[in-house]
Amino acid sequence: MLDQDIFLFNDTIKNNIRYANQEATDEATASLDIENELLVKQAIANLLKKDKTVIMIAHTLSVVKHADHIIVVSDGRIVEQGTHEQLLSMNGKYASMWEIDAKLNMA
């Protein structure tokens, strides 16, 4: 659910994200068709160009590739963090996910 007017509750980030559905599991682009997914990705790219703090939760790595700081979470714990290039050079979880994502997009 995306509101026209942005409002944040004086609560945790998790509760602000899940306020409309306490059982929500995140991924903003999971249920979008191709055209709307592209529009969301373009909107995120535009936000990242501005002097703003943007917090994204995404499984689609191309969405977060240009972020200044990426945090990789696995089983509720931070396992890696850095820029896209730094995370690729670590050859860890992010690099593995990036490689799989690249193979899937080539198919």
N, C-alpha and C. Protein backbone atom coordinates (compact mmCIF):
# COMPACT_ATOMS: atom_id res chain seq x y z
N MET A 1 0.85 -1.17 0.00
CA MET A 1 0.00 0.00 0.00
C MET A 1 0.89 1.24 0.00
N LEU A 2 0.65 2.13 -0.93
CA LEU A 2 1.41 3.38 -1.01
C LEU A 2 0.44 4.53 -0.89
N ASP A 3 0.63 5.36 0.12
CA ASP A 3 -0.23 6.52 0.32
C ASP A 3 0.23 7.68 -0.55
N GLN A 4 -0.70 8.54 -0.92
CA GLN A 4 -0.37 9.75 -1.66
C GLN A 4 0.41 10.72 -0.77
N ASP A 5 0.00 10.82 0.48
CA ASP A 5 0.68 11.69 1.44
C ASP A 5 1.48 10.82 2.39
N ILE A 6 2.74 11.13 2.51
CA ILE A 6 3.63 10.32 3.34
C ILE A 6 3.46 10.72 4.80
N PHE A 7 3.33 9.70 5.65
CA PHE A 7 3.18 9.91 7.08
C PHE A 7 3.97 8.83 7.79
N LEU A 8 4.74 9.21 8.79
CA LEU A 8 5.47 8.23 9.58
C LEU A 8 4.95 8.25 11.01
N PHE A 9 4.70 7.06 11.53
CA PHE A 9 4.31 6.92 12.92
C PHE A 9 5.54 7.03 13.80
N ASN A 10 5.38 7.46 15.03
CA ASN A 10 6.47 7.50 15.98
C ASN A 10 6.67 6.07 16.50
N ASP A 11 7.27 5.24 15.66
CA ASP A 11 7.38 3.81 15.93
C ASP A 11 8.60 3.29 15.17
N THR A 12 8.78 1.98 15.15
CA THR A 12 9.92 1.38 14.46
C THR A 12 9.72 1.48 12.95
N ILE A 13 10.82 1.33 12.21
CA ILE A 13 10.73 1.29 10.75
C ILE A 13 9.85 0.12 10.33
N LYS A 14 10.04 -1.02 10.96
CA LYS A 14 9.26 -2.21 10.64
C LYS A 14 7.76 -1.94 10.78
N ASN A 15 7.35 -1.32 11.88
CA ASN A 15 5.93 -1.05 12.08
C ASN A 15 5.40 0.01 11.12
N ASN A 16 6.24 0.95 10.73
CA ASN A 16 5.82 1.94 9.73
C ASN A 16 5.60 1.28 8.37
N ILE A 17 6.45 0.34 8.02
CA ILE A 17 6.33 -0.35 6.74
C ILE A 17 5.11 -1.27 6.73
N ARG A 18 4.86 -1.94 7.85
CA ARG A 18 3.81 -2.96 7.90
C ARG A 18 2.50 -2.47 8.51
N TYR A 19 2.30 -1.16 8.63
CA TYR A 19 1.12 -0.68 9.33
C TYR A 19 -0.19 -1.10 8.67
N ALA A 20 -0.22 -1.25 7.36
CA ALA A 20 -1.46 -1.63 6.68
C ALA A 20 -1.71 -3.13 6.74
N ASN A 21 -0.64 -3.90 6.94
CA ASN A 21 -0.78 -5.35 6.98
C ASN A 21 0.34 -5.91 7.84
N GLN A 22 0.02 -6.28 9.06
CA GLN A 22 1.03 -6.76 10.00
C GLN A 22 1.68 -8.07 9.55
N GLU A 23 1.07 -8.75 8.61
CA GLU A 23 1.62 -10.01 8.09
C GLU A 23 2.42 -9.81 6.81
N ALA A 24 2.59 -8.56 6.38
CA ALA A 24 3.30 -8.27 5.13
C ALA A 24 4.73 -8.81 5.19
N THR A 25 5.23 -9.28 4.06
CA THR A 25 6.59 -9.83 3.97
C THR A 25 7.48 -8.94 3.11
N ASP A 26 7.45 -7.74 2.68
CA ASP A 26 8.17 -6.62 2.01
C ASP A 26 8.15 -6.61 0.48
N GLU A 27 9.18 -6.86 -0.23
CA GLU A 27 9.42 -6.72 -1.66
C GLU A 27 8.38 -5.88 -2.40
N ALA A 28 8.73 -4.63 -2.63
CA ALA A 28 7.83 -3.64 -3.24
C ALA A 28 7.46 -3.96 -4.67
N THR A 29 8.31 -4.65 -5.40
CA THR A 29 8.03 -4.88 -6.82
C THR A 29 7.52 -6.29 -7.11
N ALA A 30 7.32 -7.11 -6.09
CA ALA A 30 6.98 -8.52 -6.30
C ALA A 30 5.66 -8.74 -7.05
N SER A 31 4.68 -7.91 -6.81
CA SER A 31 3.36 -8.14 -7.42
C SER A 31 3.05 -7.18 -8.57
N LEU A 32 4.06 -6.50 -9.06
CA LEU A 32 3.84 -5.53 -10.13
C LEU A 32 4.04 -6.16 -11.50
N ASP A 33 3.30 -5.64 -12.49
CA ASP A 33 3.55 -6.06 -13.85
C ASP A 33 4.83 -5.36 -14.33
N ILE A 34 5.32 -5.74 -15.48
CA ILE A 34 6.60 -5.24 -16.00
C ILE A 34 6.62 -3.72 -16.11
N GLU A 35 5.55 -3.13 -16.64
CA GLU A 35 5.51 -1.68 -16.85
C GLU A 35 5.57 -0.92 -15.53
N ASN A 36 4.79 -1.35 -14.55
CA ASN A 36 4.78 -0.66 -13.26
C ASN A 36 6.05 -0.93 -12.47
N GLU A 37 6.63 -2.10 -12.63
CA GLU A 37 7.91 -2.38 -11.97
C GLU A 37 8.97 -1.41 -12.49
N LEU A 38 8.98 -1.18 -13.81
CA LEU A 38 9.93 -0.24 -14.39
C LEU A 38 9.71 1.17 -13.85
N LEU A 39 8.45 1.58 -13.72
CA LEU A 39 8.15 2.92 -13.17
C LEU A 39 8.63 3.05 -11.73
N VAL A 40 8.45 2.01 -10.92
CA VAL A 40 8.91 2.04 -9.53
C VAL A 40 10.44 2.13 -9.50
N LYS A 41 11.12 1.34 -10.34
CA LYS A 41 12.58 1.38 -10.38
C LYS A 41 13.08 2.76 -10.81
N GLN A 42 12.40 3.38 -11.78
CA GLN A 42 12.79 4.73 -12.21
C GLN A 42 12.58 5.74 -11.09
N ALA A 43 11.49 5.61 -10.35
CA ALA A 43 11.22 6.52 -9.24
C ALA A 43 12.29 6.38 -8.16
N ILE A 44 12.69 5.15 -7.87
CA ILE A 44 13.74 4.92 -6.88
C ILE A 44 15.06 5.52 -7.37
N ALA A 45 15.38 5.31 -8.64
CA ALA A 45 16.61 5.87 -9.20
C ALA A 45 16.61 7.39 -9.09
N ASN A 46 15.47 8.01 -9.33
CA ASN A 46 15.36 9.48 -9.20
C ASN A 46 15.55 9.92 -7.76
N LEU A 47 15.02 9.17 -6.80
CA LEU A 47 15.20 9.51 -5.39
C LEU A 47 16.66 9.42 -4.99
N LEU A 48 17.35 8.40 -5.51
CA LEU A 48 18.75 8.21 -5.15
C LEU A 48 19.66 9.31 -5.69
N LYS A 49 19.20 10.04 -6.71
CA LYS A 49 19.98 11.14 -7.27
C LYS A 49 19.88 12.40 -6.42
N LYS A 50 18.89 12.46 -5.54
CA LYS A 50 18.67 13.65 -4.73
C LYS A 50 19.35 13.51 -3.38
N ASP A 51 19.42 14.61 -2.66
CA ASP A 51 20.04 14.62 -1.34
C ASP A 51 19.01 14.16 -0.31
N LYS A 52 18.70 12.87 -0.34
CA LYS A 52 17.67 12.30 0.53
C LYS A 52 18.17 10.98 1.10
N THR A 53 17.62 10.62 2.21
CA THR A 53 17.86 9.28 2.75
C THR A 53 16.72 8.40 2.28
N VAL A 54 17.06 7.31 1.62
CA VAL A 54 16.07 6.38 1.10
C VAL A 54 16.37 5.02 1.72
N ILE A 55 15.38 4.45 2.37
CA ILE A 55 15.53 3.11 2.94
C ILE A 55 14.71 2.17 2.08
N MET A 56 15.38 1.19 1.49
CA MET A 56 14.70 0.23 0.61
C MET A 56 14.88 -1.17 1.16
N ILE A 57 13.86 -1.95 0.99
CA ILE A 57 13.96 -3.38 1.28
C ILE A 57 13.62 -4.05 -0.04
N ALA A 58 14.58 -4.76 -0.61
CA ALA A 58 14.36 -5.32 -1.94
C ALA A 58 15.16 -6.60 -2.12
N HIS A 59 14.60 -7.47 -2.92
CA HIS A 59 15.30 -8.67 -3.33
C HIS A 59 15.83 -8.51 -4.75
N THR A 60 15.31 -7.53 -5.46
CA THR A 60 15.76 -7.24 -6.81
C THR A 60 17.00 -6.36 -6.71
N LEU A 61 18.15 -6.94 -6.98
CA LEU A 61 19.41 -6.25 -6.75
C LEU A 61 19.61 -5.04 -7.64
N SER A 62 19.04 -5.06 -8.84
CA SER A 62 19.19 -3.90 -9.72
C SER A 62 18.56 -2.65 -9.11
N VAL A 63 17.60 -2.84 -8.21
CA VAL A 63 16.95 -1.72 -7.54
C VAL A 63 17.92 -1.04 -6.57
N VAL A 64 18.76 -1.81 -5.90
CA VAL A 64 19.65 -1.25 -4.88
C VAL A 64 21.07 -1.01 -5.37
N LYS A 65 21.39 -1.42 -6.58
CA LYS A 65 22.76 -1.36 -7.10
C LYS A 65 23.41 0.01 -6.92
N HIS A 66 22.68 1.09 -7.14
CA HIS A 66 23.26 2.43 -7.10
C HIS A 66 23.15 3.12 -5.74
N ALA A 67 22.72 2.39 -4.73
CA ALA A 67 22.63 2.98 -3.38
C ALA A 67 24.03 3.26 -2.84
N ASP A 68 24.13 4.28 -2.00
CA ASP A 68 25.41 4.62 -1.37
C ASP A 68 25.86 3.57 -0.37
N HIS A 69 24.91 2.90 0.24
CA HIS A 69 25.22 1.91 1.28
C HIS A 69 24.17 0.81 1.23
N ILE A 70 24.63 -0.40 1.05
CA ILE A 70 23.74 -1.57 0.98
C ILE A 70 24.03 -2.44 2.19
N ILE A 71 22.98 -2.86 2.84
CA ILE A 71 23.11 -3.77 3.98
C ILE A 71 22.46 -5.09 3.58
N VAL A 72 23.22 -6.16 3.67
CA VAL A 72 22.73 -7.49 3.33
C VAL A 72 22.33 -8.18 4.62
N VAL A 73 21.07 -8.60 4.69
CA VAL A 73 20.53 -9.25 5.88
C VAL A 73 20.21 -10.70 5.54
N SER A 74 20.61 -11.61 6.40
CA SER A 74 20.31 -13.02 6.24
C SER A 74 19.90 -13.56 7.60
N ASP A 75 18.75 -14.21 7.64
CA ASP A 75 18.23 -14.76 8.90
C ASP A 75 18.15 -13.71 10.00
N GLY A 76 17.77 -12.48 9.61
CA GLY A 76 17.59 -11.41 10.58
C GLY A 76 18.87 -10.76 11.08
N ARG A 77 20.00 -11.10 10.48
CA ARG A 77 21.29 -10.54 10.90
C ARG A 77 21.99 -9.87 9.72
N ILE A 78 22.70 -8.79 10.01
CA ILE A 78 23.51 -8.13 8.99
C ILE A 78 24.73 -9.00 8.72
N VAL A 79 24.89 -9.42 7.46
CA VAL A 79 26.03 -10.29 7.13
C VAL A 79 27.07 -9.56 6.28
N GLU A 80 26.68 -8.51 5.58
CA GLU A 80 27.61 -7.72 4.77
C GLU A 80 27.04 -6.32 4.63
N GLN A 81 27.93 -5.37 4.36
CA GLN A 81 27.48 -4.03 4.04
C GLN A 81 28.55 -3.28 3.29
N GLY A 82 28.12 -2.35 2.44
CA GLY A 82 29.04 -1.56 1.64
C GLY A 82 28.35 -1.10 0.37
N THR A 83 29.14 -0.62 -0.58
CA THR A 83 28.60 -0.25 -1.88
C THR A 83 28.46 -1.50 -2.73
N HIS A 84 27.83 -1.37 -3.86
CA HIS A 84 27.68 -2.50 -4.79
C HIS A 84 29.05 -3.08 -5.13
N GLU A 85 30.00 -2.21 -5.49
CA GLU A 85 31.33 -2.66 -5.88
C GLU A 85 32.07 -3.34 -4.72
N GLN A 86 31.96 -2.76 -3.53
CA GLN A 86 32.61 -3.36 -2.36
C GLN A 86 32.03 -4.73 -2.07
N LEU A 87 30.72 -4.85 -2.15
CA LEU A 87 30.08 -6.13 -1.85
C LEU A 87 30.44 -7.19 -2.89
N LEU A 88 30.55 -6.79 -4.16
CA LEU A 88 30.97 -7.75 -5.18
C LEU A 88 32.39 -8.24 -4.91
N SER A 89 33.27 -7.33 -4.48
CA SER A 89 34.66 -7.71 -4.23
C SER A 89 34.82 -8.64 -3.03
N MET A 90 33.84 -8.67 -2.14
CA MET A 90 33.89 -9.55 -0.96
C MET A 90 33.63 -11.01 -1.33
N ASN A 91 33.01 -11.23 -2.51
CA ASN A 91 32.67 -12.59 -2.96
C ASN A 91 31.85 -13.35 -1.92
N GLY A 92 30.95 -12.64 -1.26
CA GLY A 92 30.10 -13.26 -0.24
C GLY A 92 28.68 -13.45 -0.75
N LYS A 93 27.73 -13.28 0.15
CA LYS A 93 26.32 -13.52 -0.14
C LYS A 93 25.80 -12.59 -1.24
N TYR A 94 26.13 -11.29 -1.15
CA TYR A 94 25.66 -10.33 -2.15
C TYR A 94 26.20 -10.70 -3.54
N ALA A 95 27.49 -10.99 -3.61
CA ALA A 95 28.10 -11.35 -4.89
C ALA A 95 27.45 -12.60 -5.47
N SER A 96 27.15 -13.55 -4.61
CA SER A 96 26.48 -14.78 -5.05
C SER A 96 25.07 -14.48 -5.59
N MET A 97 24.34 -13.63 -4.87
CA MET A 97 23.00 -13.26 -5.32
C MET A 97 23.07 -12.48 -6.63
N TRP A 98 24.05 -11.59 -6.76
CA TRP A 98 24.22 -10.80 -7.99
C TRP A 98 24.49 -11.72 -9.18
N GLU A 99 25.34 -12.72 -8.98
CA GLU A 99 25.66 -13.66 -10.04
C GLU A 99 24.43 -14.45 -10.48
N ILE A 100 23.65 -14.91 -9.52
CA ILE A 100 22.43 -15.65 -9.83
C ILE A 100 21.44 -14.75 -10.55
N ASP A 101 21.29 -13.52 -10.07
CA ASP A 101 20.37 -12.56 -10.69
C ASP A 101 20.78 -12.29 -12.14
N ALA A 102 22.08 -12.14 -12.38
CA ALA A 102 22.58 -11.89 -13.73
C ALA A 102 22.28 -13.07 -14.65
N LYS A 103 22.44 -14.28 -14.15
CA LYS A 103 22.16 -15.48 -14.95
C LYS A 103 20.67 -15.57 -15.28
N LEU A 104 19.82 -15.25 -14.31
CA LEU A 104 18.37 -15.29 -14.54
C LEU A 104 17.93 -14.25 -15.57
N ASN A 105 18.56 -13.09 -15.54
CA ASN A 105 18.19 -12.02 -16.48
C ASN A 105 18.71 -12.28 -17.88
N MET A 106 19.69 -13.18 -18.02
CA MET A 106 20.19 -13.54 -19.35
C MET A 106 19.29 -14.57 -20.02
N ALA A 107 18.55 -15.31 -19.23
CA ALA A 107 17.72 -16.40 -19.76
C ALA A 107 16.56 -15.88 -20.57
